[in-house]
Amino acid sequence: MRAVVAEPHFTLGPEEPAVTVLRSMQAATYPTYVEAAISGYAEDNVGAGRWARVGALERSRDDFASLLPRGLDTPDNFLFEILENDGGAIVGFLWYAIERKHGSCAAYIYDLEVRTEHRRKGHARRALHALELVAAESGATSIGLNVFANNVGAQALYQDLGYAPTNVNMHKSLKRAGA
């Protein structure tokens, strides 16, 4: 898949407009990415109260193995490095899949991560705009994603970009009898 340059939507000051590039993930990047993503997904689930800390990493690893059984070669899954400009430093990652079910075609974002030191610079916003173009070229008519309830910053970004909640999952921990 070719690199996609997201059109700039704002400037960061008097300098040139910011540019974000999506580049197909390089094979050398994948092992480091997937290990960090597995760990991050486990922590997100523990932090949201969905999973107990004990066993979370193994559970996350199992989910990734199920979703990406062939790594970068898993059909209908696309992993990108988010670059700060054409040929620039990697500032994050984007993983989405094309899902064709019941006569429709939709993109689903499994992971969007911008490294801490590069956040609040518009990279996620521009990456999502670029993804809209790529997904539409693939025949998708919508993009879906999951956002954890405790990630209010991401929720605000997604809502600002036109994403709307479609359902709400709720959780209540129960005390064990005799505990």
Foldseek 3Di string as FASTA:
>chain_A
DAKFKQDFDDDPPPDDGWIKIWGFDDPVCQVVVVLVVLVVVLVLCVVLVNDPNVCSSVVSVVVCCVVQVPGCPPPQKTKTFIARHVVHDGQWIWIWGWDQPPNAIAIETEDTDGDPVCPPVCSSVRVVNRVVVVSVVVVHPYYYYDDRPVCVVVVVSCVVVPDDDDDDDDDDDDDDPPD
